[in-house]
């Protein structure tokens, strides 16, 4: 798409950029990047996830620069990420080895190691706590020290096998052989339809959170994808990321831990006759995101399963609709481009209307 060059606007653009700094620096306090990183964790998680770039510090810096605009911060992160060389490819991670901070199941009341609620707003009253307006750092630190003194050291290293293993042992969930097929990398290869499942999951991982949640919600309400899944397991925790040791590929070295949220949603196949009865069981939808983003991970798992049943007239089941319209950067960028000059095309449309009214165009 091309635009007519506009001259004489350089001074106005420079002034607009200077005004940005004025608006961002309004007030007496300077917002520190560390404060965003430590106190706005879920916003930082969303930016990292939609950018496909794990760096809490850079995500916080992008949020500071963009006055908290998530879409602008994602744009900044994607742009910076594109300048970085890819030095290594990590080894496959195993979420069953996750160092858990949260693990729940809506399918089973009793699960090995029990339900671990962890840090979540699910059970709060959703009432504004006006006491936070006068909150002091000293009281926060005192509460933190008092709480940590009561925590058992072993609880910080809790690991547990997936709940789905219980059903897999019964044969209700199918077992699969390890798949060593090289996954599609959508950052280096064009997304082709129909997409491989690895490409689907990567695209959903980086898709706009609101879009993914909205389309999944449409599916839950019966808009095409008439199924109501059950969250078999939702777990959040830290996973160690490793790369092959450059001098000995048979060994691995750790780069540190990343906080993930993983969801397995169960959808039952409950109808069938004759031979089909032996095929009844559970299908699993999968979701994995950076940080603590329960809603997006669940929505991702719903769409993962929905896309296995293509239907051109149902948005949740339409691969082209879901994968091409939720891409966070393209979506916000294309809508934002409408603010750029369209003088020639719009004047052409006006001329056609005027000529038609005058009877010059039949």
Protein backbone atom coordinates (compact mmCIF):
# COMPACT_ATOMS: atom_id res chain seq x y z
CA UNK A 1 0.00 0.00 0.00
CA UNK A 2 1.47 3.35 -1.04
CA UNK A 3 0.87 6.87 0.23
CA UNK A 4 1.34 10.27 -1.35
CA UNK A 5 4.37 12.07 0.12
CA UNK A 6 3.36 14.91 2.43
CA UNK A 7 5.77 17.83 2.72
CA UNK A 8 6.07 20.42 5.44
CA UNK A 9 5.03 18.20 8.35
CA UNK A 10 8.45 17.51 9.87
CA UNK A 11 8.21 20.30 12.47
CA UNK A 12 4.73 19.18 13.50
CA UNK A 13 5.94 15.58 13.89
CA UNK A 14 8.91 16.66 16.03
CA UNK A 15 6.58 18.69 18.25
CA UNK A 16 4.21 15.72 18.57
CA UNK A 17 7.08 13.51 19.74
CA UNK A 18 8.14 16.12 22.29
CA UNK A 19 4.57 16.35 23.55
CA UNK A 20 4.64 12.58 24.12
CA UNK A 21 7.46 13.06 26.61
CA UNK A 22 5.50 15.82 28.34
CA UNK A 23 2.45 13.60 28.73
CA UNK A 24 4.57 10.65 29.87
CA UNK A 25 6.41 12.75 32.47
CA UNK A 26 3.31 14.40 33.91
CA UNK A 27 3.48 14.48 37.73
CA UNK A 28 6.26 14.66 40.30
CA UNK A 29 7.25 10.98 40.41
CA UNK A 30 9.44 9.15 37.92
CA UNK A 31 8.15 5.67 37.15
CA UNK A 32 10.95 3.16 37.62
CA UNK A 33 11.27 0.17 35.32
CA UNK A 34 11.87 -2.15 38.27
CA UNK A 35 8.57 -1.04 39.80
CA UNK A 36 6.68 -2.05 36.64
CA UNK A 37 8.53 -5.37 36.53
CA UNK A 38 7.77 -6.26 40.13
CA UNK A 39 4.34 -4.65 40.66
CA UNK A 40 2.69 -4.97 37.23
CA UNK A 41 3.55 -8.62 36.62
CA UNK A 42 0.45 -9.66 34.68
CA UNK A 43 0.67 -6.68 32.33
CA UNK A 44 4.33 -7.49 31.72
CA UNK A 45 3.36 -11.14 31.11
CA UNK A 46 0.82 -10.12 28.46
CA UNK A 47 3.31 -7.93 26.59
CA UNK A 48 5.94 -10.67 26.59
CA UNK A 49 3.46 -13.29 25.42
CA UNK A 50 2.02 -11.24 22.54
CA UNK A 51 5.52 -10.16 21.56
CA UNK A 52 6.85 -13.73 21.73
CA UNK A 53 9.85 -12.37 23.59
CA UNK A 54 10.61 -13.31 27.20
CA UNK A 55 12.29 -10.35 28.90
CA UNK A 56 10.46 -8.81 31.87
CA UNK A 57 12.87 -5.88 32.00
CA UNK A 58 12.46 -4.94 28.33
CA UNK A 59 8.69 -5.45 28.51
CA UNK A 60 8.53 -3.08 31.49
CA UNK A 61 10.72 -0.56 29.65
CA UNK A 62 8.43 -0.75 26.62
CA UNK A 63 5.39 -0.18 28.84
CA UNK A 64 7.04 2.86 30.39
CA UNK A 65 7.89 4.27 26.98
CA UNK A 66 4.35 3.67 25.68
CA UNK A 67 2.51 5.06 28.76
CA UNK A 68 1.14 1.60 29.51
CA UNK A 69 -0.28 0.97 26.03
CA UNK A 70 -0.11 -2.80 25.60
CA UNK A 71 -0.32 -2.75 21.80
CA UNK A 72 2.43 -0.12 21.49
CA UNK A 73 4.64 -2.02 23.95
CA UNK A 74 4.19 -5.23 21.92
CA UNK A 75 5.15 -3.28 18.78
CA UNK A 76 8.34 -2.04 20.47
CA UNK A 77 9.23 -5.51 21.73
CA UNK A 78 8.66 -7.16 18.34
CA UNK A 79 10.76 -4.49 16.62
CA UNK A 80 13.66 -4.98 19.05
CA UNK A 81 13.38 -8.76 18.89
CA UNK A 82 13.80 -8.64 15.11
CA UNK A 83 17.28 -7.10 15.56
CA UNK A 84 18.60 -9.91 17.77
CA UNK A 85 20.58 -12.83 16.34
CA UNK A 86 19.39 -16.34 17.14
CA UNK A 87 22.35 -17.96 18.84
CA UNK A 88 20.81 -21.21 20.08
CA UNK A 89 17.65 -23.31 20.04
CA UNK A 90 16.50 -24.54 23.42
CA UNK A 91 15.89 -28.16 24.24
CA UNK A 92 12.20 -29.23 24.47
CA UNK A 93 10.75 -28.33 27.84
CA UNK A 94 8.78 -30.79 29.94
CA UNK A 95 5.96 -29.08 31.83
CA UNK A 96 5.53 -32.13 34.06
CA UNK A 97 8.82 -31.00 35.61
CA UNK A 98 7.40 -27.55 36.34
CA UNK A 99 8.26 -26.12 39.76
CA UNK A 100 4.68 -25.38 40.72
CA UNK A 101 3.20 -22.26 42.28
CA UNK A 102 -0.37 -23.07 41.21
CA UNK A 103 -2.15 -26.24 40.09
CA UNK A 104 -5.89 -26.83 39.94
CA UNK A 105 -8.32 -29.17 38.24
CA UNK A 106 -11.99 -28.52 37.52
CA UNK A 107 -12.44 -32.14 36.41
CA UNK A 108 -11.32 -33.91 39.59
CA UNK A 109 -11.74 -32.89 43.21
CA UNK A 110 -8.95 -35.12 44.48
CA UNK A 111 -5.72 -35.07 42.50
CA UNK A 112 -2.22 -36.15 43.51
CA UNK A 113 -0.69 -33.53 45.85
CA UNK A 114 -4.09 -31.82 46.06
CA UNK A 115 -5.40 -28.58 44.60
CA UNK A 116 -2.85 -25.79 44.87
CA UNK A 117 -4.67 -22.47 44.48
CA UNK A 118 -1.56 -20.32 44.35
CA UNK A 119 -1.60 -16.57 43.67
CA UNK A 120 -4.85 -15.76 41.85
CA UNK A 121 -7.69 -13.23 41.85
CA UNK A 122 -10.25 -16.02 41.33
CA UNK A 123 -11.30 -16.09 44.96
CA UNK A 124 -11.18 -12.38 45.79
CA UNK A 125 -14.35 -10.31 46.29
CA UNK A 126 -13.55 -8.01 43.35
CA UNK A 127 -14.05 -4.93 45.51
CA UNK A 128 -11.69 -1.97 45.27
CA UNK A 129 -9.37 -1.91 48.26
CA UNK A 130 -9.10 1.80 49.02
CA UNK A 131 -6.43 1.10 51.64
CA UNK A 132 -3.96 0.61 48.80
CA UNK A 133 -3.98 4.36 48.13
CA UNK A 134 -2.04 4.87 51.37
CA UNK A 135 0.03 1.69 51.18
CA UNK A 136 3.65 2.02 52.30
CA UNK A 137 6.69 0.04 51.22
CA UNK A 138 7.65 -0.72 54.82
CA UNK A 139 4.36 -2.45 55.61
CA UNK A 140 4.62 -4.50 52.41
CA UNK A 141 8.09 -5.74 53.28
CA UNK A 142 7.04 -6.56 56.84
CA UNK A 143 4.09 -8.62 55.57
CA UNK A 144 6.33 -10.39 53.05
CA UNK A 145 8.93 -11.33 55.67
CA UNK A 146 6.24 -12.54 58.09
CA UNK A 147 4.60 -14.68 55.41
CA UNK A 148 7.82 -16.22 54.10
CA UNK A 149 8.85 -17.17 57.64
CA UNK A 150 5.81 -19.49 57.79
CA UNK A 151 6.40 -21.16 54.41
CA UNK A 152 8.06 -24.55 54.42
CA UNK A 153 11.19 -24.60 52.22
CA UNK A 154 10.13 -27.84 50.51
CA UNK A 155 6.93 -26.25 49.19
CA UNK A 156 8.88 -24.07 46.75
CA UNK A 157 10.13 -27.16 44.87
CA UNK A 158 6.83 -29.01 44.43
CA UNK A 159 6.45 -31.00 41.22
CA UNK A 160 3.62 -33.29 40.12
CA UNK A 161 2.71 -35.40 37.11
CA UNK A 162 -0.13 -34.25 34.89
CA UNK A 163 -3.69 -35.12 35.88
CA UNK A 164 -4.23 -36.49 32.36
CA UNK A 165 -1.85 -39.34 33.18
CA UNK A 166 -4.56 -40.78 35.43
CA UNK A 167 -6.98 -41.06 32.47
CA UNK A 168 -4.23 -42.14 30.10
CA UNK A 169 -3.49 -45.12 32.33
CA UNK A 170 -7.17 -46.12 31.98
CA UNK A 171 -6.98 -45.79 28.22
CA UNK A 172 -9.60 -43.04 28.15
CA UNK A 173 -7.04 -40.61 26.76
CA UNK A 174 -4.95 -41.92 23.91
CA UNK A 175 -1.21 -42.33 24.37
CA UNK A 176 1.05 -40.98 21.67
CA UNK A 177 4.53 -41.87 20.58
CA UNK A 178 7.12 -39.09 20.91
CA UNK A 179 7.06 -36.87 17.83
CA UNK A 180 10.50 -35.73 16.72
CA UNK A 181 9.18 -33.75 13.75
CA UNK A 182 10.84 -30.35 13.56
CA UNK A 183 8.21 -27.78 14.60
CA UNK A 184 7.30 -24.93 12.27
CA UNK A 185 8.89 -21.62 13.28
CA UNK A 186 6.42 -18.86 12.36
CA UNK A 187 9.04 -16.19 13.05
CA UNK A 188 11.13 -17.50 10.15
CA UNK A 189 8.58 -19.19 7.88
CA UNK A 190 5.41 -17.80 6.36
CA UNK A 191 2.24 -19.18 7.93
CA UNK A 192 0.69 -21.55 5.40
CA UNK A 193 -2.87 -22.88 5.57
CA UNK A 194 -3.81 -25.50 6.53
CA UNK A 195 -1.32 -24.98 9.31
CA UNK A 196 0.58 -27.60 11.25
CA UNK A 197 -0.43 -27.83 14.90
CA UNK A 198 2.92 -26.40 16.00
CA UNK A 199 2.24 -23.33 13.84
CA UNK A 200 -1.29 -23.03 15.25
CA UNK A 201 -0.09 -23.09 18.83
CA UNK A 202 2.68 -20.56 18.18
CA UNK A 203 0.21 -18.23 16.47
CA UNK A 204 -2.31 -18.52 19.31
CA UNK A 205 0.52 -17.98 21.82
CA UNK A 206 1.36 -14.60 20.25
CA UNK A 207 -2.21 -13.62 19.35
CA UNK A 208 -4.01 -10.73 20.99
CA UNK A 209 -5.36 -11.88 24.36
CA UNK A 210 -8.75 -10.20 23.91
CA UNK A 211 -9.23 -11.71 20.46
CA UNK A 212 -8.37 -15.25 21.57
CA UNK A 213 -10.67 -14.96 24.60
CA UNK A 214 -13.53 -13.51 22.54
CA UNK A 215 -13.47 -16.17 19.82
CA UNK A 216 -13.16 -18.96 22.41
CA UNK A 217 -16.14 -17.45 24.25
CA UNK A 218 -18.15 -17.56 21.02
CA UNK A 219 -17.34 -21.26 20.76
CA UNK A 220 -18.42 -21.87 24.35
CA UNK A 221 -21.78 -20.25 23.62
CA UNK A 222 -22.36 -22.72 20.82
CA UNK A 223 -21.43 -20.49 17.90
CA UNK A 224 -20.34 -23.33 15.65
CA UNK A 225 -18.07 -25.17 18.07
CA UNK A 226 -20.78 -26.71 20.21
CA UNK A 227 -18.71 -28.06 23.08
CA UNK A 228 -18.14 -27.09 26.67
CA UNK A 229 -14.69 -28.26 27.76
CA UNK A 230 -13.61 -28.89 31.33
CA UNK A 231 -10.27 -27.64 32.59
CA UNK A 232 -8.58 -30.93 33.35
CA UNK A 233 -5.55 -29.16 34.73
CA UNK A 234 -4.23 -25.64 34.96
CA UNK A 235 -0.72 -25.26 36.27
CA UNK A 236 1.60 -22.29 36.68
CA UNK A 237 5.23 -22.50 37.64
CA UNK A 238 8.84 -22.26 36.66
CA UNK A 239 10.45 -24.43 33.99
CA UNK A 240 14.17 -24.71 33.46
CA UNK A 241 15.28 -23.82 29.93
CA UNK A 242 18.33 -25.64 28.59
CA UNK A 243 20.45 -25.58 25.45
CA UNK A 244 22.85 -28.18 24.12
CA UNK A 245 26.40 -27.69 25.36
CA UNK A 246 28.31 -26.29 22.34
CA UNK A 247 31.33 -28.57 22.90
CA UNK A 248 29.31 -31.71 23.61
CA UNK A 249 25.79 -31.92 22.13
CA UNK A 250 24.95 -34.88 24.37
CA UNK A 251 25.02 -32.60 27.41
CA UNK A 252 22.84 -29.60 28.23
CA UNK A 253 23.43 -26.40 30.15
CA UNK A 254 20.75 -24.42 31.95
CA UNK A 255 19.96 -20.82 30.99
CA UNK A 256 17.61 -20.26 33.92
CA UNK A 257 13.88 -20.57 34.60
CA UNK A 258 10.83 -19.10 32.86
CA UNK A 259 7.38 -18.72 34.40
CA UNK A 260 4.68 -20.47 32.32
CA UNK A 261 0.99 -21.29 32.60
CA UNK A 262 -0.14 -24.53 30.99
CA UNK A 263 -3.71 -25.75 30.48
CA UNK A 264 -5.15 -29.05 29.34
CA UNK A 265 -8.88 -28.86 28.59
CA UNK A 266 -10.93 -32.04 28.26
CA UNK A 267 -13.71 -32.45 25.70
CA UNK A 268 -15.69 -35.67 25.95
CA UNK A 269 -16.78 -37.82 23.00
CA UNK A 270 -19.89 -39.34 24.53
CA UNK A 271 -21.92 -40.63 21.57
CA UNK A 272 -21.47 -43.71 19.44
CA UNK A 273 -22.83 -47.18 18.67
CA UNK A 274 -21.37 -50.55 17.84
CA UNK A 275 -17.64 -50.45 17.11
CA UNK A 276 -17.58 -46.71 17.77
CA UNK A 277 -18.11 -47.35 21.48
CA UNK A 278 -14.52 -48.49 21.80
CA UNK A 279 -13.39 -45.15 20.34
CA UNK A 280 -15.19 -43.00 22.90
CA UNK A 281 -12.91 -40.99 25.10
CA UNK A 282 -11.46 -37.59 25.84
CA UNK A 283 -9.91 -35.07 23.49
CA UNK A 284 -7.39 -32.62 24.90
CA UNK A 285 -7.04 -28.98 23.96
CA UNK A 286 -3.70 -27.45 24.88
CA UNK A 287 -2.66 -23.95 25.91
CA UNK A 288 0.70 -22.59 27.04
CA UNK A 289 1.59 -18.94 27.73
CA UNK A 290 4.23 -16.89 29.47
CA UNK A 291 3.57 -15.86 33.07
CA UNK A 292 0.25 -16.08 34.91
CA UNK A 293 -2.35 -15.67 32.16
CA UNK A 294 -5.03 -18.20 33.03
CA UNK A 295 -7.76 -16.83 30.75
CA UNK A 296 -5.63 -16.75 27.63
CA UNK A 297 -4.22 -20.22 28.28
CA UNK A 298 -7.73 -21.68 28.69
CA UNK A 299 -9.03 -19.84 25.61
CA UNK A 300 -6.02 -21.09 23.65
CA UNK A 301 -6.79 -24.69 24.65
CA UNK A 302 -10.42 -24.29 23.49
CA UNK A 303 -9.37 -23.00 20.07
CA UNK A 304 -6.69 -25.67 19.76
CA UNK A 305 -9.43 -28.28 19.93
CA UNK A 306 -11.93 -26.30 17.83
CA UNK A 307 -9.51 -25.99 14.92
CA UNK A 308 -9.43 -29.79 14.63
CA UNK A 309 -13.00 -29.55 13.26
CA UNK A 310 -12.85 -27.06 10.35
CA UNK A 311 -16.04 -25.23 9.42
CA UNK A 312 -16.03 -22.20 7.08
CA UNK A 313 -19.16 -20.66 8.60
CA UNK A 314 -18.09 -20.92 12.24
CA UNK A 315 -15.42 -18.42 13.39
CA UNK A 316 -14.00 -20.61 16.21
CA UNK A 317 -13.56 -23.49 13.73
CA UNK A 318 -12.27 -21.40 10.82
CA UNK A 319 -8.48 -21.66 10.77
CA UNK A 320 -8.03 -18.71 8.44
CA UNK A 321 -10.24 -16.46 10.58
CA UNK A 322 -8.64 -17.43 13.89
CA UNK A 323 -4.98 -17.52 12.89
CA UNK A 324 -4.86 -14.52 10.55
CA UNK A 325 -7.00 -12.04 12.47
CA UNK A 326 -5.72 -12.41 16.01
CA UNK A 327 -2.08 -11.60 15.24
CA UNK A 328 -1.48 -8.81 17.78
CA UNK A 329 0.94 -6.69 15.77
CA UNK A 330 -0.78 -6.91 12.38
CA UNK A 331 -4.22 -6.33 13.88
CA UNK A 332 -3.31 -3.16 15.76
CA UNK A 333 -1.01 -1.97 12.98
CA UNK A 334 -3.56 -2.28 10.20
CA UNK A 335 -6.25 -0.51 12.21
CA UNK A 336 -3.79 2.23 13.21
CA UNK A 337 -2.74 2.79 9.58
CA UNK A 338 -6.18 4.31 8.97
CA UNK A 339 -4.85 7.44 10.72
CA UNK A 340 -2.26 7.94 7.96
CA UNK A 341 -3.00 10.18 4.93
CA UNK A 342 -5.60 8.75 2.56
CA UNK A 343 -6.22 12.05 0.83
CA UNK A 344 -6.06 10.82 -2.76
CA UNK A 345 -8.21 7.72 -2.34
CA UNK A 346 -10.86 9.56 -0.30
CA UNK A 347 -11.00 12.52 -2.69
CA UNK A 348 -11.44 10.05 -5.54
CA UNK A 349 -14.41 8.50 -3.75
CA UNK A 350 -15.93 11.96 -3.18
CA UNK A 351 -15.45 12.87 -6.84
CA UNK A 352 -17.28 9.73 -7.92
CA UNK A 353 -20.19 10.52 -5.60
CA UNK A 354 -20.44 14.11 -6.86
CA UNK A 355 -20.28 13.04 -10.51
CA UNK A 356 -22.93 10.41 -9.94
CA UNK A 357 -25.25 12.95 -8.31
CA UNK A 358 -24.73 15.32 -11.24
CA UNK A 359 -25.58 12.50 -13.60
CA UNK A 360 -22.14 12.36 -15.14
CA UNK A 361 -21.72 8.66 -14.27
CA UNK A 362 -24.45 6.25 -15.27
